[in-house]
Protein backbone atom coordinates (compact mmCIF):
# COMPACT_ATOMS: atom_id res chain seq x y z
CA MET A 1 30.58 34.96 27.78
CA THR A 2 28.66 31.83 26.84
CA VAL A 3 24.90 32.04 27.18
CA LEU A 4 23.35 28.82 28.42
CA ILE A 5 20.04 28.15 26.71
CA LYS A 6 17.81 25.75 28.64
CA ASP A 7 15.45 23.33 26.97
CA VAL A 8 11.79 24.20 27.40
CA CYS A 9 9.00 21.68 27.89
CA ASN A 10 6.77 21.67 24.84
CA THR A 11 3.67 21.15 26.98
CA CYS A 12 3.99 23.46 30.00
CA SER A 13 6.58 25.88 28.51
CA ARG A 14 8.72 25.69 31.65
CA SER A 15 12.44 25.07 31.67
CA VAL A 16 13.80 21.54 31.79
CA SER A 17 16.35 21.25 34.58
CA ILE A 18 19.32 18.92 34.61
CA GLY A 19 18.32 15.56 36.02
CA GLN A 20 14.60 15.96 35.36
CA ALA A 21 12.90 12.97 33.73
CA ILE A 22 11.89 13.76 30.18
CA VAL A 23 10.45 12.15 27.06
CA GLU A 24 11.18 13.13 23.46
CA CYS A 25 8.74 13.31 20.53
CA SER A 26 9.58 10.65 17.95
CA ILE A 27 8.71 13.01 15.08
CA CYS A 28 9.91 16.54 15.93
CA ASN A 29 12.30 15.58 18.80
CA CYS A 30 10.89 18.24 21.14
CA ILE A 31 11.28 17.61 24.87
CA ILE A 32 8.46 17.18 27.38
CA HIS A 33 8.62 16.79 31.15
CA HIS A 34 7.81 13.23 32.11
CA LYS A 35 5.17 14.60 34.48
CA CYS A 36 3.56 16.34 31.46
CA TYR A 37 3.63 13.14 29.45
CA LYS A 38 0.31 11.75 28.23
CA SER A 39 0.24 8.01 27.74
CA SER A 40 -2.48 8.48 25.12
CA ASN A 41 0.14 10.10 22.87
CA SER A 42 2.23 6.93 22.62
CA ASP A 43 1.78 4.02 20.24
CA ASP A 44 2.10 0.26 20.67
CA SER A 45 5.80 0.43 19.74
CA GLY A 46 6.57 2.77 22.65
CA ASN A 47 7.02 5.88 20.48
CA PHE A 48 5.88 9.16 22.06
CA PHE A 49 4.35 12.09 20.16
CA CYS A 50 3.84 15.64 21.38
CA ASP A 51 0.33 17.11 21.28
CA HIS A 52 1.00 18.91 17.97
CA CYS A 53 2.43 15.88 16.16
CA SER A 54 -0.15 13.57 17.72
CA SER A 55 -3.03 15.70 16.40
CA ASN A 56 -1.50 15.77 12.90
CA LYS A 57 -0.38 12.14 12.84
CA GLN A 58 -2.49 9.94 10.59
CA GLN A 59 -3.47 6.54 11.90
CA ARG A 60 -1.70 3.79 9.97
CA TYR A 61 -2.45 0.10 9.66
CA ASN A 62 0.74 -1.56 10.86
CA PRO A 63 0.48 -5.16 12.12
CA PHE A 64 4.21 -5.37 12.89
CA LYS A 65 4.30 -2.90 15.83
CA TYR A 66 8.06 -2.54 15.46
CA ASP A 67 9.98 0.42 16.84
CA THR A 68 11.93 1.82 13.88
CA HIS A 69 13.40 4.51 16.17
CA ASP A 70 15.21 1.89 18.25
CA ASP A 71 18.97 2.41 17.98
CA GLU A 72 19.36 -1.35 17.54
CA ALA A 73 16.84 -1.57 14.68
CA ASP A 74 18.36 -3.14 11.59
CA PRO A 75 17.42 -0.97 8.55
CA ASP A 76 17.96 -3.97 6.25
CA ASP A 77 15.63 -6.23 8.23
CA SER A 78 12.42 -7.06 6.32
CA VAL A 79 10.14 -6.24 9.27
CA THR A 80 11.89 -2.89 9.78
CA LYS A 81 11.48 -2.04 6.09
CA LEU A 82 7.79 -2.98 6.07
CA THR A 83 7.16 -0.99 9.25
CA SER A 84 8.88 2.06 7.78
CA ILE A 85 6.87 1.83 4.55
CA LEU A 86 3.56 1.56 6.41
CA GLU A 87 4.41 4.40 8.79
CA ASN A 88 5.55 6.77 6.03
CA CYS A 89 2.90 6.20 3.37
CA THR A 90 0.94 9.35 2.57
CA MET A 91 -2.76 9.91 1.99
CA LEU A 92 -3.38 11.95 -1.17
CA ASN A 93 -6.50 13.71 -2.36
CA ARG A 94 -7.45 14.04 -6.03
CA THR A 95 -5.61 17.35 -6.48
CA MET A 96 -2.41 15.96 -4.97
CA ILE A 97 -2.62 12.83 -7.13
CA ASN A 98 -3.03 14.97 -10.25
CA GLU A 99 0.04 16.99 -9.26
CA LYS A 100 2.10 13.84 -8.71
CA MET A 101 0.98 12.34 -12.01
CA ASN A 102 1.69 15.60 -13.84
CA ASP A 103 5.28 15.47 -12.55
CA LEU A 104 5.58 11.98 -14.03
CA SER A 105 3.83 12.74 -17.31
CA ASN A 106 7.04 12.78 -19.34
CA SER A 107 8.45 9.62 -17.75
CA LYS A 108 8.42 6.35 -19.63
CA GLY A 109 7.43 2.91 -18.40
CA ILE A 110 5.27 2.11 -15.38
CA THR A 111 4.76 5.32 -13.41
CA SER A 112 1.48 4.74 -11.57
CA LEU A 113 -0.68 1.88 -10.36
CA LEU A 114 -4.25 2.06 -9.11
CA PHE A 115 -5.82 -0.78 -7.12
CA GLN A 116 -9.50 -1.15 -6.29
CA ASN A 117 -11.72 -3.87 -4.89
CA ILE A 118 -14.53 -3.23 -7.31
CA ASP A 119 -17.00 -5.53 -5.54
CA GLY A 120 -18.51 -6.71 -8.81
CA ASN A 121 -18.03 -5.32 -12.31
CA LYS A 122 -21.72 -5.57 -13.03
CA SER A 123 -22.59 -3.18 -10.19
CA ASN A 124 -19.62 -0.83 -10.05
CA PHE A 125 -17.60 -0.79 -13.30
CA ASP A 126 -19.45 2.22 -14.75
CA MET A 127 -18.91 4.20 -11.55
CA MET A 128 -15.21 3.38 -11.61
CA CYS A 129 -15.01 4.72 -15.18
CA ILE A 130 -16.60 7.97 -14.02
CA ASP A 131 -14.15 8.23 -11.11
CA LEU A 132 -11.19 7.75 -13.45
CA ARG A 133 -12.23 10.85 -15.39
CA ARG A 134 -11.45 12.96 -12.33
CA TYR A 135 -7.73 12.45 -12.94
CA ASP A 136 -5.78 14.47 -15.48
CA HIS A 137 -3.56 11.59 -16.59
CA LYS A 138 -4.04 7.90 -17.26
CA PHE A 139 -2.77 5.39 -14.71
CA SER A 140 -0.18 2.99 -16.12
CA ILE A 141 -1.95 0.01 -14.59
CA ILE A 142 -5.36 -0.47 -12.99
CA ALA A 143 -5.66 -3.61 -10.86
CA LEU A 144 -9.02 -4.94 -9.71
CA ALA A 145 -10.14 -7.56 -7.21
CA GLU A 146 -13.51 -9.22 -6.74
CA THR A 147 -14.59 -8.57 -10.32
CA ASN A 148 -16.94 -11.60 -10.30
CA VAL A 149 -16.08 -11.78 -14.00
CA GLY A 150 -13.77 -14.09 -15.93
CA PRO A 151 -12.11 -13.81 -19.37
CA GLU A 152 -15.25 -14.96 -21.16
CA MET A 153 -17.12 -11.80 -20.08
CA SER A 154 -14.22 -9.36 -20.09
CA SER A 155 -15.13 -7.87 -23.49
CA LEU A 156 -18.13 -6.24 -21.82
CA TYR A 157 -15.86 -4.23 -19.56
CA GLN A 158 -13.33 -2.35 -21.65
CA LEU A 159 -11.49 0.88 -20.89
CA SER A 160 -10.43 3.23 -23.67
CA GLU A 161 -6.64 3.18 -24.24
CA TYR A 162 -6.20 0.04 -22.11
CA SER A 163 -5.70 -3.68 -22.72
CA SER A 164 -7.48 -5.96 -20.26
CA PHE A 165 -6.24 -9.16 -18.61
CA TYR A 166 -8.70 -11.27 -16.61
CA GLN A 167 -8.03 -14.31 -14.44
CA SER A 168 -10.57 -17.13 -14.41
CA THR A 169 -13.06 -17.05 -11.55
CA SER A 170 -13.57 -19.83 -9.02
CA GLU A 171 -15.93 -22.50 -10.26
CA ASN A 172 -19.53 -22.26 -9.06
CA LYS A 173 -18.92 -18.86 -7.41
CA ARG A 174 -20.93 -15.89 -8.64
CA LYS A 175 -19.62 -13.47 -6.02
CA GLY A 176 -16.37 -12.95 -4.15
CA THR A 177 -14.00 -14.04 -6.90
CA GLY A 178 -12.01 -12.71 -9.84
CA VAL A 179 -8.95 -10.50 -10.37
CA ALA A 180 -8.01 -8.41 -13.39
CA MET A 181 -5.60 -5.78 -14.67
CA TYR A 182 -5.89 -3.03 -17.25
CA VAL A 183 -2.62 -1.99 -18.89
CA HIS A 184 -2.18 1.32 -20.70
CA LYS A 185 -1.59 1.03 -24.44
CA SER A 186 1.88 2.56 -24.05
CA LEU A 187 3.00 -0.61 -22.24
CA SER A 188 3.39 -4.20 -23.38
CA ALA A 189 2.55 -7.05 -21.00
CA THR A 190 2.19 -10.82 -21.05
CA VAL A 191 0.55 -13.10 -18.51
CA ASP A 192 2.99 -14.96 -16.30
CA THR A 193 1.32 -18.37 -16.14
CA HIS A 194 3.90 -19.69 -13.64
CA LEU A 195 2.92 -17.15 -10.99
CA SER A 196 -0.76 -16.64 -11.83
CA HIS A 197 -2.78 -18.74 -9.42
CA LEU A 198 -6.36 -19.81 -8.70
CA SER A 199 -7.62 -21.74 -5.71
CA LEU A 200 -10.44 -21.47 -3.18
CA ASN A 201 -7.95 -19.81 -0.82
CA LEU A 202 -6.07 -17.37 -3.04
CA GLU A 203 -6.46 -15.81 -6.48
CA ALA A 204 -3.59 -14.12 -8.31
CA LEU A 205 -2.91 -12.68 -11.74
CA PHE A 206 0.67 -11.75 -12.65
CA LEU A 207 1.81 -9.79 -15.68
CA LYS A 208 5.36 -9.49 -16.98
CA PHE A 209 6.65 -6.21 -18.39
CA VAL A 210 9.92 -6.15 -20.33
CA ASN A 211 11.77 -2.89 -20.91
CA GLY A 212 15.16 -3.59 -22.46
CA ASN A 213 17.06 -5.69 -19.96
CA ASN A 214 14.65 -4.83 -17.15
CA ILE A 215 11.81 -7.18 -16.24
CA ILE A 216 9.07 -6.04 -13.88
CA GLU A 217 6.29 -8.24 -12.54
CA ILE A 218 2.96 -6.82 -11.38
CA GLY A 219 0.59 -9.14 -9.57
CA VAL A 220 -2.88 -8.53 -8.17
CA ILE A 221 -4.04 -10.70 -5.26
CA TYR A 222 -7.44 -11.51 -3.81
CA ARG A 223 -7.96 -13.74 -0.79
CA PRO A 224 -11.59 -14.90 -0.53
CA PRO A 225 -12.63 -14.71 3.15
CA SER A 226 -14.41 -18.04 2.70
CA GLY A 227 -11.10 -19.80 1.98
CA ASP A 228 -8.67 -21.31 4.46
CA PHE A 229 -6.57 -18.50 5.94
CA ASN A 230 -3.50 -20.55 6.82
CA GLN A 231 -3.50 -22.30 3.47
CA ALA A 232 -3.76 -18.93 1.73
CA LEU A 233 -0.64 -17.76 3.56
CA LEU A 234 1.23 -20.89 2.45
CA GLU A 235 0.16 -20.36 -1.17
CA LEU A 236 1.11 -16.67 -0.99
CA ALA A 237 4.51 -17.55 0.49
CA GLU A 238 5.17 -19.91 -2.41
CA LEU A 239 4.26 -17.18 -4.91
CA LEU A 240 6.62 -14.73 -3.21
CA ASP A 241 9.44 -17.28 -3.17
CA ASN A 242 9.11 -17.74 -6.93
CA ALA A 243 8.57 -14.08 -7.82
CA PRO A 244 11.52 -12.09 -9.22
CA LYS A 245 13.05 -9.21 -7.28
CA ASN A 246 11.27 -6.42 -9.17
CA THR A 247 7.75 -7.52 -8.26
CA TYR A 248 4.89 -5.29 -7.08
CA ILE A 249 1.73 -6.80 -5.62
CA PRO A 250 -1.39 -4.74 -4.82
CA GLY A 251 -4.49 -6.55 -3.69
CA ASP A 252 -7.14 -7.29 -1.11
CA PHE A 253 -5.59 -9.80 1.27
CA ASN A 254 -8.48 -9.79 3.80
CA ILE A 255 -6.02 -10.32 6.65
CA ASN A 256 -6.85 -7.49 9.04
């Protein structure tokens, strides 16, 4: 004899009968009666989340609002990929970061990258150095935005076991300018002058890392809010068009 097991509504715990309108959680796939459905548990893409998943779901910044659960979604589409990355990124505390970095401690090459808008080296560089001591391992690369410091002053802001690379700051600006990167001594990097960029709308510093036949580009971006937004997007698009495939770009884009 075959025992028929009925689905149970995750909200009211009553059986779901054939023909009843239902909704399904986009995370755990549990079933809920449509009459038990709470519109507050859905997002802008039309995804529904049960009470349990909704309470545990972290809010993500995702300007694309694309439904990656749609059966017609193209996994190779750029918007789909970006949406998936933003929805699946994970918030880590210091202990979790130390565990992740410990797992990578025996790996070679670029294994970790830290980005921070430092809001002025003069005010906050010492505090950043103190914060870095909380981690058990050194980051491969530390990228900074809004340093307010150019190459001529970079010698005042050195990190032990790191080489520093500073982009020039915007002329006549004492605040809201400057990008830099610190590269661990185990790595070798050169400035990519073709991609590095400085204008009133967008600032960028790109470094090239060569490991055998592999070339990796790391770029740090800062968009001054005082610049022209549309022009900044055009300048950024040109940088991306010229950047090689293996390029990683942290930064403060000031878009949201």
